[in-house]
């Protein structure tokens, strides 16, 4: 215990970090150690391959490498003849991190637990210090990138200045990037959350994006803009997606979501087209924000929407969300769809059939196969739809109006 206390004190005095604390605890106690976020994302660790294998064997690692701290808990869990245990790292009543300790070959003793509590207290001091410094840096970086993306000042439009200033942050803005805007979804009515709690969720969300971006490559701009996280992801050579950049975006989003355990919050994502130069970043940012807004309205929370896939939804979303705009949309839907615009089971069933017919270019046989109907049943439905809406099978302009009206119902309700 004295040896650990001396080692930890030396680390603090020398301006060490969490990696140093993890290594010292591991050396003195003969255990595997990891410092994670409160939801289990590893921040620093001293884990051997055997420790990692033990965690994986007992299903305490998710596919993205997150330690499932919620399955371990403060009372610990058995790992063969040994055990794993989680200690809370906190300061001023605020959860900062988790200290995960495991010893696969023998139990964790009461003395070990006492030593881990001391290590957690030292880690809390370091994390608090680092958080204070990071808050200033993130605020400065966020203000700078916001000015660039919104062209808020004359200097932010000076490409040479922007390029030079980005270098001081270690950012590479000279390569083609995709702008990603990620926003936490609104909390449900039975989970209001205090303003302090929502801020904590946002900070943890931003930290997850920083960690994932750092794992993808160097020089990736990634900032917390209070209500959204913005990341400029580069195109990667190993991206096998048919659309440039989509692969790296999906990998990043999957890594941030993990298996949604540990209290991780649901979020929605909007993705821009590729921005090949600095002066294309503002337009790309606007595309990403439009994508996340429309995607959430169409698909609900947890959506990932690419700007190129918005189609006619882009135009519908341009109509102001006001009483007048909403009334105009409802009038258009009612005029085009008539009784099919009603919120009844029968109307919804016929709208589903209508959408399938549109998707199959009014190929009755194919539509019947998709909906598992008999051909004659589908023919009857086509006749009924044409009695209600008009000559859909022969009038392409009417089909276009109907298709748009169905999209309006989808996006605006």
Protein backbone atom coordinates (compact mmCIF):
# COMPACT_ATOMS: atom_id res chain seq x y z
CA UNK A 1 0.00 0.00 0.00
CA UNK A 2 2.81 2.41 0.87
CA UNK A 3 4.56 1.59 -2.38
CA UNK A 4 1.41 2.41 -4.36
CA UNK A 5 0.86 5.64 -2.44
CA UNK A 6 4.45 6.72 -3.15
CA UNK A 7 4.17 5.83 -6.83
CA UNK A 8 0.87 7.66 -7.31
CA UNK A 9 2.17 10.75 -5.50
CA UNK A 10 5.19 10.83 -7.78
CA UNK A 11 3.01 10.57 -10.86
CA UNK A 12 0.89 13.55 -9.75
CA UNK A 13 3.93 15.67 -8.88
CA UNK A 14 5.53 14.95 -12.26
CA UNK A 15 2.37 15.90 -14.16
CA UNK A 16 1.56 12.33 -15.19
CA UNK A 17 -1.61 11.03 -16.79
CA UNK A 18 -4.11 8.21 -16.44
CA UNK A 19 -1.88 5.80 -18.35
CA UNK A 20 0.79 6.29 -15.70
CA UNK A 21 -1.68 5.66 -12.87
CA UNK A 22 -3.02 2.53 -14.59
CA UNK A 23 0.48 1.17 -15.12
CA UNK A 24 1.49 1.85 -11.49
CA UNK A 25 -1.62 0.21 -10.03
CA UNK A 26 -1.16 -2.77 -12.33
CA UNK A 27 2.50 -3.14 -11.34
CA UNK A 28 2.01 -2.86 -7.58
CA UNK A 29 -1.17 -4.92 -7.24
CA UNK A 30 -0.55 -7.40 -10.05
CA UNK A 31 -3.89 -6.73 -11.72
CA UNK A 32 -5.24 -5.52 -15.03
CA UNK A 33 -6.43 -1.92 -14.87
CA UNK A 34 -8.46 0.31 -17.17
CA UNK A 35 -9.85 3.81 -16.73
CA UNK A 36 -13.03 4.23 -18.76
CA UNK A 37 -15.76 6.78 -19.31
CA UNK A 38 -18.85 6.26 -17.19
CA UNK A 39 -20.30 4.12 -20.00
CA UNK A 40 -17.17 1.97 -20.34
CA UNK A 41 -15.20 3.55 -23.19
CA UNK A 42 -11.52 2.95 -22.43
CA UNK A 43 -9.48 6.11 -21.79
CA UNK A 44 -6.29 4.55 -20.40
CA UNK A 45 -5.32 0.98 -19.58
CA UNK A 46 -2.69 -1.45 -18.43
CA UNK A 47 -4.22 -4.68 -19.74
CA UNK A 48 -2.28 -7.67 -21.00
CA UNK A 49 -3.62 -9.82 -23.88
CA UNK A 50 -4.64 -12.35 -21.22
CA UNK A 51 -6.70 -9.71 -19.41
CA UNK A 52 -8.42 -8.67 -22.64
CA UNK A 53 -9.09 -12.29 -23.54
CA UNK A 54 -10.66 -12.88 -20.11
CA UNK A 55 -12.93 -9.86 -20.52
CA UNK A 56 -14.00 -11.02 -23.97
CA UNK A 57 -14.55 -14.62 -22.85
CA UNK A 58 -16.92 -13.47 -20.12
CA UNK A 59 -18.75 -11.12 -22.52
CA UNK A 60 -17.51 -7.98 -20.79
CA UNK A 61 -16.32 -6.35 -24.05
CA UNK A 62 -18.62 -5.15 -26.79
CA UNK A 63 -17.48 -5.39 -30.46
CA UNK A 64 -16.17 -1.80 -30.40
CA UNK A 65 -13.92 -2.45 -27.39
CA UNK A 66 -16.15 -0.83 -24.79
CA UNK A 67 -15.91 -2.52 -21.40
CA UNK A 68 -19.41 -3.40 -20.24
CA UNK A 69 -19.04 -1.76 -16.84
CA UNK A 70 -22.76 -2.09 -16.17
CA UNK A 71 -22.32 -5.88 -16.11
CA UNK A 72 -19.49 -5.73 -13.58
CA UNK A 73 -20.70 -3.26 -10.99
CA UNK A 74 -19.12 -2.14 -7.75
CA UNK A 75 -19.62 -5.55 -6.11
CA UNK A 76 -17.68 -7.22 -8.90
CA UNK A 77 -18.25 -10.27 -11.03
CA UNK A 78 -16.50 -13.62 -11.22
CA UNK A 79 -13.94 -14.27 -13.96
CA UNK A 80 -13.04 -17.92 -13.58
CA UNK A 81 -11.31 -18.31 -10.21
CA UNK A 82 -10.67 -14.57 -10.13
CA UNK A 83 -12.82 -11.47 -10.37
CA UNK A 84 -13.38 -8.08 -12.01
CA UNK A 85 -14.53 -5.00 -10.18
CA UNK A 86 -15.47 -1.41 -11.00
CA UNK A 87 -14.74 1.61 -8.80
CA UNK A 88 -16.41 4.99 -9.28
CA UNK A 89 -14.09 7.92 -10.05
CA UNK A 90 -15.84 11.07 -8.86
CA UNK A 91 -15.20 14.58 -7.61
CA UNK A 92 -17.67 16.97 -6.00
CA UNK A 93 -20.45 14.43 -6.41
CA UNK A 94 -19.94 14.32 -10.21
CA UNK A 95 -19.19 11.04 -11.96
CA UNK A 96 -15.98 11.44 -13.97
CA UNK A 97 -14.92 7.93 -14.93
CA UNK A 98 -14.74 4.29 -13.91
CA UNK A 99 -11.72 2.33 -12.70
CA UNK A 100 -11.95 -1.29 -13.88
CA UNK A 101 -9.74 -3.85 -12.13
CA UNK A 102 -9.47 -7.56 -12.93
CA UNK A 103 -7.44 -10.48 -11.69
CA UNK A 104 -8.43 -13.63 -13.59
CA UNK A 105 -6.49 -16.14 -11.48
CA UNK A 106 -7.45 -15.15 -7.91
CA UNK A 107 -9.94 -12.95 -6.02
CA UNK A 108 -9.61 -9.22 -5.43
CA UNK A 109 -9.03 -8.65 -1.70
CA UNK A 110 -10.29 -5.96 0.66
CA UNK A 111 -6.80 -4.43 0.68
CA UNK A 112 -6.90 -4.29 -3.13
CA UNK A 113 -10.23 -2.49 -2.99
CA UNK A 114 -8.85 0.08 -0.54
CA UNK A 115 -5.85 0.67 -2.82
CA UNK A 116 -8.13 1.05 -5.84
CA UNK A 117 -10.19 3.67 -4.01
CA UNK A 118 -7.01 5.65 -3.39
CA UNK A 119 -6.05 5.32 -7.06
CA UNK A 120 -9.55 6.49 -8.05
CA UNK A 121 -9.15 9.61 -5.89
CA UNK A 122 -5.82 10.44 -7.56
CA UNK A 123 -7.37 9.81 -10.99
CA UNK A 124 -10.21 12.19 -10.12
CA UNK A 125 -7.65 14.96 -9.48
CA UNK A 126 -5.95 14.37 -12.83
CA UNK A 127 -9.22 14.15 -14.75
CA UNK A 128 -10.50 17.37 -13.15
CA UNK A 129 -7.26 19.14 -14.10
CA UNK A 130 -7.35 17.80 -17.66
CA UNK A 131 -11.05 18.67 -18.01
CA UNK A 132 -10.38 22.29 -17.03
CA UNK A 133 -7.66 22.62 -19.66
CA UNK A 134 -9.68 20.75 -22.27
CA UNK A 135 -12.74 22.94 -21.69
CA UNK A 136 -10.76 26.06 -22.63
CA UNK A 137 -9.16 24.37 -25.63
CA UNK A 138 -12.46 22.93 -26.87
CA UNK A 139 -14.19 26.29 -26.50
CA UNK A 140 -11.47 28.00 -28.53
CA UNK A 141 -11.44 25.30 -31.18
CA UNK A 142 -15.24 25.19 -31.33
CA UNK A 143 -15.53 28.97 -31.80
CA UNK A 144 -12.91 28.87 -34.55
CA UNK A 145 -14.55 26.01 -36.47
CA UNK A 146 -18.01 27.55 -36.04
CA UNK A 147 -16.73 30.79 -37.60
CA UNK A 148 -15.27 28.80 -40.51
CA UNK A 149 -18.43 26.78 -41.09
CA UNK A 150 -20.73 29.80 -40.86
CA UNK A 151 -18.35 32.39 -42.43
CA UNK A 152 -18.96 34.61 -39.42
CA UNK A 153 -15.93 36.85 -39.77
CA UNK A 154 -13.65 38.20 -42.45
CA UNK A 155 -10.66 36.25 -41.15
CA UNK A 156 -12.64 33.00 -41.27
CA UNK A 157 -12.97 33.59 -45.02
CA UNK A 158 -9.21 34.06 -45.45
CA UNK A 159 -8.29 30.52 -46.51
CA UNK A 160 -4.58 31.00 -45.82
CA UNK A 161 -5.33 32.16 -42.27
CA UNK A 162 -7.77 29.29 -41.68
CA UNK A 163 -5.26 26.74 -42.96
CA UNK A 164 -2.45 28.15 -40.80
CA UNK A 165 -4.66 28.39 -37.70
CA UNK A 166 -5.93 24.82 -38.13
CA UNK A 167 -2.33 23.62 -38.07
CA UNK A 168 -1.94 24.97 -34.54
CA UNK A 169 -4.72 22.59 -33.45
CA UNK A 170 -3.14 19.68 -35.27
CA UNK A 171 -5.99 19.65 -37.79
CA UNK A 172 -5.54 18.71 -41.44
CA UNK A 173 -7.97 20.74 -43.57
CA UNK A 174 -6.10 20.24 -46.83
CA UNK A 175 -7.72 16.90 -47.68
CA UNK A 176 -11.26 16.07 -48.86
CA UNK A 177 -13.58 15.55 -45.91
CA UNK A 178 -17.18 14.73 -45.10
CA UNK A 179 -18.91 16.91 -42.51
CA UNK A 180 -20.83 14.93 -39.90
CA UNK A 181 -23.29 16.59 -37.52
CA UNK A 182 -24.41 14.42 -34.59
CA UNK A 183 -27.12 15.46 -32.13
CA UNK A 184 -28.43 13.67 -29.05
CA UNK A 185 -32.11 12.82 -29.45
CA UNK A 186 -34.64 14.52 -27.20
CA UNK A 187 -35.32 12.74 -23.93
CA UNK A 188 -38.66 11.00 -23.51
CA UNK A 189 -41.46 12.51 -21.45
CA UNK A 190 -40.82 10.16 -18.55
CA UNK A 191 -37.12 11.06 -18.48
CA UNK A 192 -36.90 14.86 -18.46
CA UNK A 193 -33.32 15.20 -17.20
CA UNK A 194 -32.00 18.31 -15.48
CA UNK A 195 -29.96 20.90 -17.37
CA UNK A 196 -26.82 19.70 -15.56
CA UNK A 197 -27.57 16.11 -16.52
CA UNK A 198 -28.16 17.03 -20.16
CA UNK A 199 -24.85 18.91 -20.18
CA UNK A 200 -23.14 15.84 -18.77
CA UNK A 201 -24.70 13.68 -21.49
CA UNK A 202 -23.48 16.14 -24.13
CA UNK A 203 -19.94 16.20 -22.71
CA UNK A 204 -19.79 12.41 -22.62
CA UNK A 205 -21.17 12.28 -26.16
CA UNK A 206 -18.53 14.73 -27.40
CA UNK A 207 -15.80 12.77 -25.61
CA UNK A 208 -16.93 9.58 -27.35
CA UNK A 209 -16.67 11.28 -30.74
CA UNK A 210 -13.20 12.61 -29.91
CA UNK A 211 -12.01 9.16 -28.96
CA UNK A 212 -13.48 7.51 -32.05
CA UNK A 213 -12.09 10.20 -34.37
CA UNK A 214 -8.64 9.76 -32.81
CA UNK A 215 -8.85 6.02 -33.54
CA UNK A 216 -9.69 6.69 -37.20
CA UNK A 217 -6.68 8.91 -37.87
CA UNK A 218 -4.69 12.01 -36.99
CA UNK A 219 -5.68 15.61 -37.59
CA UNK A 220 -9.47 15.10 -37.62
CA UNK A 221 -11.34 18.26 -36.51
CA UNK A 222 -13.98 17.34 -33.96
CA UNK A 223 -15.71 19.89 -31.73
CA UNK A 224 -18.65 20.19 -29.36
CA UNK A 225 -20.92 23.07 -30.41
CA UNK A 226 -23.14 22.88 -27.32
CA UNK A 227 -26.12 21.11 -28.93
CA UNK A 228 -24.27 19.19 -31.63
CA UNK A 229 -20.97 17.52 -32.29
CA UNK A 230 -19.30 18.30 -35.62
CA UNK A 231 -16.61 16.07 -37.09
CA UNK A 232 -14.78 16.43 -40.40
CA UNK A 233 -14.02 12.85 -41.40
CA UNK A 234 -11.44 12.23 -44.14
CA UNK A 235 -11.86 9.78 -46.98
CA UNK A 236 -9.91 6.61 -46.25
CA UNK A 237 -8.19 4.26 -48.67
CA UNK A 238 -9.77 1.15 -47.13
CA UNK A 239 -13.31 2.50 -47.57
CA UNK A 240 -15.15 -0.17 -49.57
CA UNK A 241 -18.44 1.72 -49.71
CA UNK A 242 -19.72 2.42 -53.26
CA UNK A 243 -20.29 6.04 -52.25
CA UNK A 244 -17.08 7.92 -51.22
CA UNK A 245 -16.85 8.44 -47.48
CA UNK A 246 -19.95 6.54 -46.46
CA UNK A 247 -17.92 3.63 -45.10
CA UNK A 248 -15.83 5.70 -42.68
CA UNK A 249 -18.93 7.54 -41.48
CA UNK A 250 -20.79 4.31 -40.76
CA UNK A 251 -17.77 2.90 -38.89
CA UNK A 252 -17.52 6.03 -36.76
CA UNK A 253 -21.24 6.08 -35.92
CA UNK A 254 -21.22 2.36 -35.11
CA UNK A 255 -18.24 2.85 -32.79
CA UNK A 256 -19.87 5.75 -30.94
CA UNK A 257 -23.15 3.85 -30.53
CA UNK A 258 -21.48 0.62 -29.44
CA UNK A 259 -24.08 -1.81 -28.13
CA UNK A 260 -25.98 1.13 -26.54
CA UNK A 261 -25.16 -0.15 -23.06
CA UNK A 262 -23.80 1.69 -20.05
CA UNK A 263 -26.36 4.50 -20.23
CA UNK A 264 -25.30 5.60 -23.70
CA UNK A 265 -27.75 8.09 -25.20
CA UNK A 266 -29.46 7.67 -28.61
CA UNK A 267 -28.49 10.22 -31.25
CA UNK A 268 -29.13 11.19 -34.86
CA UNK A 269 -26.57 11.96 -37.55
CA UNK A 270 -26.53 14.05 -40.71
CA UNK A 271 -23.85 13.59 -43.35
CA UNK A 272 -22.77 16.02 -46.09
CA UNK A 273 -21.39 15.46 -49.54
CA UNK A 274 -17.60 15.39 -49.92
CA UNK A 275 -16.01 18.81 -49.43
CA UNK A 276 -12.83 18.85 -51.50
CA UNK A 277 -11.59 22.30 -50.46
CA UNK A 278 -11.76 24.73 -47.54
CA UNK A 279 -14.23 27.03 -49.25
CA UNK A 280 -16.68 24.12 -49.64
CA UNK A 281 -16.92 23.48 -45.88
CA UNK A 282 -19.76 25.98 -45.13
CA UNK A 283 -21.99 24.39 -47.79
CA UNK A 284 -21.11 20.91 -46.52
CA UNK A 285 -21.97 21.91 -42.95
CA UNK A 286 -25.35 23.25 -44.11
CA UNK A 287 -25.96 19.95 -45.93
CA UNK A 288 -25.18 17.91 -42.83
CA UNK A 289 -27.46 20.04 -40.63
CA UNK A 290 -30.27 19.76 -43.17
CA UNK A 291 -29.76 15.98 -43.32
CA UNK A 292 -29.98 15.47 -39.57
CA UNK A 293 -33.07 17.68 -39.34
CA UNK A 294 -34.96 16.00 -42.17
CA UNK A 295 -33.76 12.53 -41.21
CA UNK A 296 -35.13 12.90 -37.70
CA UNK A 297 -38.46 14.18 -39.00
CA UNK A 298 -38.80 11.30 -41.46
CA UNK A 299 -37.28 8.39 -39.54
CA UNK A 300 -37.51 9.56 -35.94
CA UNK A 301 -34.69 9.40 -33.42
CA UNK A 302 -31.57 7.36 -33.99
CA UNK A 303 -31.47 8.16 -37.71
CA UNK A 304 -28.37 8.40 -39.89
CA UNK A 305 -29.14 10.44 -42.98
CA UNK A 306 -26.91 11.23 -45.95
CA UNK A 307 -27.64 14.49 -47.76
CA UNK A 308 -27.47 12.78 -51.15
CA UNK A 309 -30.29 10.45 -50.12
CA UNK A 310 -32.79 13.13 -49.12
CA UNK A 311 -34.39 13.47 -52.55
CA UNK A 312 -37.71 15.31 -52.55
CA UNK A 313 -37.61 15.50 -48.74
CA UNK A 314 -35.16 18.40 -49.14
CA UNK A 315 -37.82 20.48 -50.88
CA UNK A 316 -40.62 19.52 -48.49
CA UNK A 317 -38.44 20.43 -45.50
CA UNK A 318 -37.92 23.93 -46.93
CA UNK A 319 -41.57 24.78 -46.25
CA UNK A 320 -41.59 26.76 -42.98
CA UNK A 321 -42.73 24.87 -39.90
CA UNK A 322 -45.45 27.44 -39.20
CA UNK A 323 -49.22 27.33 -38.97
CA UNK A 324 -49.51 28.60 -42.53
CA UNK A 325 -46.89 26.19 -43.86
CA UNK A 326 -48.44 23.23 -42.06
CA UNK A 327 -51.91 24.15 -43.31
CA UNK A 328 -50.62 24.32 -46.90
CA UNK A 329 -49.04 20.88 -46.63
CA UNK A 330 -52.19 19.37 -45.13
CA UNK A 331 -54.32 20.95 -47.86
CA UNK A 332 -52.06 19.53 -50.58
CA UNK A 333 -52.22 16.04 -49.06
CA UNK A 334 -56.01 16.21 -48.67
CA UNK A 335 -56.51 17.44 -52.25
CA UNK A 336 -54.31 14.73 -53.77
CA UNK A 337 -55.02 11.72 -51.56
CA UNK A 338 -58.62 12.47 -50.56
CA UNK A 339 -59.89 9.73 -48.20
CA UNK A 340 -56.47 8.07 -48.23
CA UNK A 341 -55.15 11.00 -46.17
CA UNK A 342 -57.32 9.98 -43.22
CA UNK A 343 -55.69 8.44 -40.14
CA UNK A 344 -57.57 5.15 -40.30
CA UNK A 345 -56.39 1.57 -40.54
CA UNK A 346 -58.03 1.13 -43.96
CA UNK A 347 -56.45 4.31 -45.34
CA UNK A 348 -53.00 3.33 -44.03
CA UNK A 349 -53.37 -0.13 -45.59
CA UNK A 350 -54.28 1.35 -48.99
CA UNK A 351 -51.42 3.87 -48.77
CA UNK A 352 -49.00 0.99 -48.21
CA UNK A 353 -50.32 -0.76 -51.33
CA UNK A 354 -50.14 2.52 -53.26
CA UNK A 355 -46.50 3.02 -52.27
CA UNK A 356 -45.62 -0.51 -53.39
CA UNK A 357 -47.32 0.10 -56.74
CA UNK A 358 -45.34 3.32 -57.20
CA UNK A 359 -42.11 1.55 -56.26
CA UNK A 360 -42.77 -1.15 -58.87
CA UNK A 361 -43.86 1.33 -61.57
CA UNK A 362 -47.40 -0.04 -61.35
CA UNK A 363 -46.34 -3.57 -62.22
CA UNK A 364 -49.37 -5.33 -60.72
CA UNK A 365 -47.81 -8.78 -60.71
CA UNK A 366 -44.64 -7.57 -58.96
CA UNK A 367 -46.64 -5.50 -56.45
CA UNK A 368 -48.80 -8.55 -55.64
CA UNK A 369 -45.66 -10.60 -55.03
CA UNK A 370 -44.15 -7.94 -52.73
CA UNK A 371 -47.32 -7.71 -50.64
CA UNK A 372 -48.04 -11.45 -50.76
CA UNK A 373 -51.43 -10.85 -52.40
CA UNK A 374 -53.13 -12.89 -55.09
CA UNK A 375 -52.90 -11.20 -58.49
CA UNK A 376 -56.69 -10.68 -58.63
CA UNK A 377 -56.65 -9.15 -55.15
CA UNK A 378 -54.07 -6.61 -56.30
CA UNK A 379 -56.08 -5.89 -59.45
CA UNK A 380 -59.09 -5.16 -57.21
CA UNK A 381 -57.00 -2.83 -55.08
CA UNK A 382 -55.72 -0.98 -58.16
CA UNK A 383 -59.32 -0.47 -59.30
CA UNK A 384 -60.30 0.84 -55.89
CA UNK A 385 -57.34 3.23 -55.78
CA UNK A 386 -58.20 4.59 -59.25
CA UNK A 387 -61.82 5.13 -58.22
CA UNK A 388 -60.59 7.18 -55.25
CA UNK A 389 -57.65 9.05 -56.83
CA UNK A 390 -58.01 8.93 -60.62
CA UNK A 391 -56.23 7.11 -63.50
CA UNK A 392 -53.00 6.33 -61.69
CA UNK A 393 -51.91 3.59 -64.07
CA UNK A 394 -52.04 5.87 -67.12
CA UNK A 395 -51.41 9.42 -65.83
CA UNK A 396 -47.72 10.02 -64.91
CA UNK A 397 -48.42 13.53 -63.61
CA UNK A 398 -51.04 12.20 -61.18
CA UNK A 399 -48.59 9.51 -60.02
CA UNK A 400 -46.01 12.23 -59.34
CA UNK A 401 -48.48 14.25 -57.25
CA UNK A 402 -49.47 11.14 -55.30
CA UNK A 403 -45.84 10.18 -54.69
CA UNK A 404 -45.07 13.67 -53.35
CA UNK A 405 -48.18 13.66 -51.17
CA UNK A 406 -47.12 10.36 -49.63
CA UNK A 407 -43.69 11.85 -48.89
CA UNK A 408 -45.33 14.89 -47.28
CA UNK A 409 -47.31 12.56 -45.01
CA UNK A 410 -44.07 10.76 -44.17
CA UNK A 411 -42.07 13.86 -43.29
CA UNK A 412 -44.75 16.15 -41.87
CA UNK A 413 -47.30 13.71 -40.50
